[in-house]
Protein backbone atom coordinates (compact mmCIF):
# COMPACT_ATOMS: atom_id res chain seq x y z
CA MET A 1 -7.27 15.61 -10.71
CA LEU A 2 -5.30 12.40 -10.46
CA THR A 3 -6.96 9.74 -8.19
CA LEU A 4 -5.79 6.66 -6.76
CA THR A 5 -8.68 3.89 -7.10
CA THR A 6 -9.36 0.26 -5.97
CA ARG A 7 -8.92 -0.69 -9.59
CA TYR A 8 -5.45 1.09 -9.90
CA LEU A 9 -4.51 -0.89 -6.74
CA GLN A 10 -5.25 -4.23 -8.54
CA LEU A 11 -3.42 -3.35 -11.53
CA GLU A 12 -0.54 -2.11 -9.48
CA THR A 13 -0.22 -5.38 -7.50
CA ALA A 14 -0.37 -7.38 -10.73
CA ALA A 15 2.53 -5.49 -11.98
CA HIS A 16 4.50 -5.99 -9.06
CA ARG A 17 3.95 -9.63 -8.60
CA GLY A 18 6.87 -11.69 -8.63
CA THR A 19 9.17 -8.77 -7.47
CA GLY A 20 8.71 -8.65 -3.81
CA GLY A 21 6.34 -5.50 -4.24
CA VAL A 22 3.35 -7.32 -2.96
CA SER A 23 2.13 -7.93 0.39
CA ALA A 24 2.37 -11.90 0.11
CA GLU A 25 6.03 -11.65 -1.15
CA ASN A 26 7.38 -9.39 1.57
CA ARG A 27 5.32 -10.00 4.68
CA LYS A 28 7.66 -12.39 6.11
CA LEU A 29 10.58 -9.85 6.20
CA GLY A 30 8.53 -7.42 8.19
CA PHE A 31 6.87 -5.41 5.58
CA ARG A 32 3.35 -3.99 6.44
CA PRO A 33 1.17 -2.69 3.65
CA ALA A 34 0.80 1.12 3.78
CA PHE A 35 0.22 4.43 2.24
CA ARG A 36 2.01 7.57 2.19
CA ASP A 37 0.24 10.94 1.14
CA GLU A 38 3.14 12.55 -0.86
CA ARG A 39 1.96 16.15 -0.42
CA THR A 40 2.40 15.74 3.53
CA GLY A 41 4.70 12.95 3.82
CA GLU A 42 2.17 11.38 6.27
CA THR A 43 2.11 7.34 6.40
CA PHE A 44 -0.84 5.22 6.96
CA LEU A 45 -0.91 1.70 7.72
CA SER A 46 -3.34 -0.25 5.58
CA THR A 47 -6.49 -0.99 7.60
CA PHE A 48 -9.82 -2.32 7.33
CA ALA A 49 -12.70 0.21 7.98
CA ASP A 50 -13.05 -0.89 11.39
CA GLY A 51 -9.35 -0.32 12.14
CA ARG A 52 -7.99 -3.93 12.05
CA PRO A 53 -4.69 -4.34 10.44
CA ALA A 54 -5.30 -5.38 6.75
CA PRO A 55 -2.88 -7.99 5.17
CA PHE A 56 -3.03 -6.27 1.97
CA HIS A 57 -3.42 -2.72 0.35
CA ILE A 58 -7.12 -1.69 0.87
CA LEU A 59 -8.24 1.95 0.85
CA ASP A 60 -11.10 1.72 3.53
CA GLY A 61 -9.08 2.70 6.42
CA LEU A 62 -7.58 5.71 5.14
CA PRO A 63 -8.82 8.98 6.72
CA GLU A 64 -12.01 10.44 5.11
CA GLN A 65 -10.24 13.73 4.32
CA LEU A 66 -8.28 11.72 1.64
CA VAL A 67 -11.59 9.96 0.30
CA LEU A 68 -13.07 11.25 -3.03
CA ALA A 69 -15.59 8.37 -3.35
CA HIS A 70 -17.24 5.24 -2.13
CA ASP A 71 -18.87 2.33 -4.07
CA ARG A 72 -22.57 1.60 -3.74
CA TYR A 73 -21.61 -0.65 -0.98
CA GLY A 74 -19.95 2.17 1.23
CA ARG A 75 -16.44 0.87 0.80
CA VAL A 76 -13.97 3.65 -0.27
CA SER A 77 -13.28 3.43 -4.02
CA ARG A 78 -11.32 6.61 -4.74
CA VAL A 79 -8.78 8.75 -2.96
CA LEU A 80 -6.61 11.71 -3.53
CA GLY A 81 -3.92 11.17 -6.17
CA SER A 82 -1.25 12.29 -3.82
CA ILE A 83 -1.62 8.90 -2.09
CA VAL A 84 1.03 6.07 -2.90
CA ALA A 85 0.79 2.44 -2.00
CA GLY A 86 3.80 0.95 -0.48
CA PHE A 87 5.08 -0.66 2.69
CA VAL A 88 6.27 0.36 6.24
CA ARG A 89 9.14 -1.71 7.93
CA ASP A 90 10.89 -0.63 10.98
CA GLY A 91 9.04 2.66 10.77
CA MET A 92 10.44 3.54 7.52
CA PHE A 93 8.02 3.87 4.23
CA TYR A 94 9.15 1.90 1.10
CA THR A 95 7.46 2.23 -2.35
CA ARG A 96 6.49 -1.05 -3.99
CA ALA A 97 9.72 -0.92 -6.00
CA GLU A 98 12.02 -0.03 -3.17
CA ALA A 99 10.45 -3.07 -1.07
CA GLY A 100 11.03 -5.26 -3.91
CA ALA A 101 14.72 -4.32 -4.04
CA LEU A 102 15.20 -4.85 -0.55
CA VAL A 103 13.40 -8.26 -0.78
CA GLU A 104 15.58 -9.28 -3.68
CA GLU A 105 18.77 -7.97 -1.83
CA GLU A 106 17.95 -9.72 1.18
CA ALA A 107 17.35 -13.06 -0.86
CA GLY A 108 20.74 -12.60 -2.49
CA GLU A 109 22.28 -12.20 1.03
CA VAL A 110 20.83 -15.65 2.19
CA ALA A 111 21.81 -17.59 -1.11
């Protein structure tokens, strides 16, 4: 079974750095880090374990039914492979690539 891990999130963030597909590069345009379950279409904003909004992608706030493993400190380390990282803006989910394309498009409009 494929899974989404904290390590994969780190690699994904590194791969999208400089494209607008990371939180630090698109936050000012109203994007919030989020996850979507591709099986159900349900979207979850990225939150810390205590429910506070997280300014970056973190697995800790995802519902327990999506969690497959915790690390030795109790933090979520692996979730179902149907979970993808992306962003929510104006109630709509965007993948990292889609958010990056929008950031680039909006930057072109300003120039």
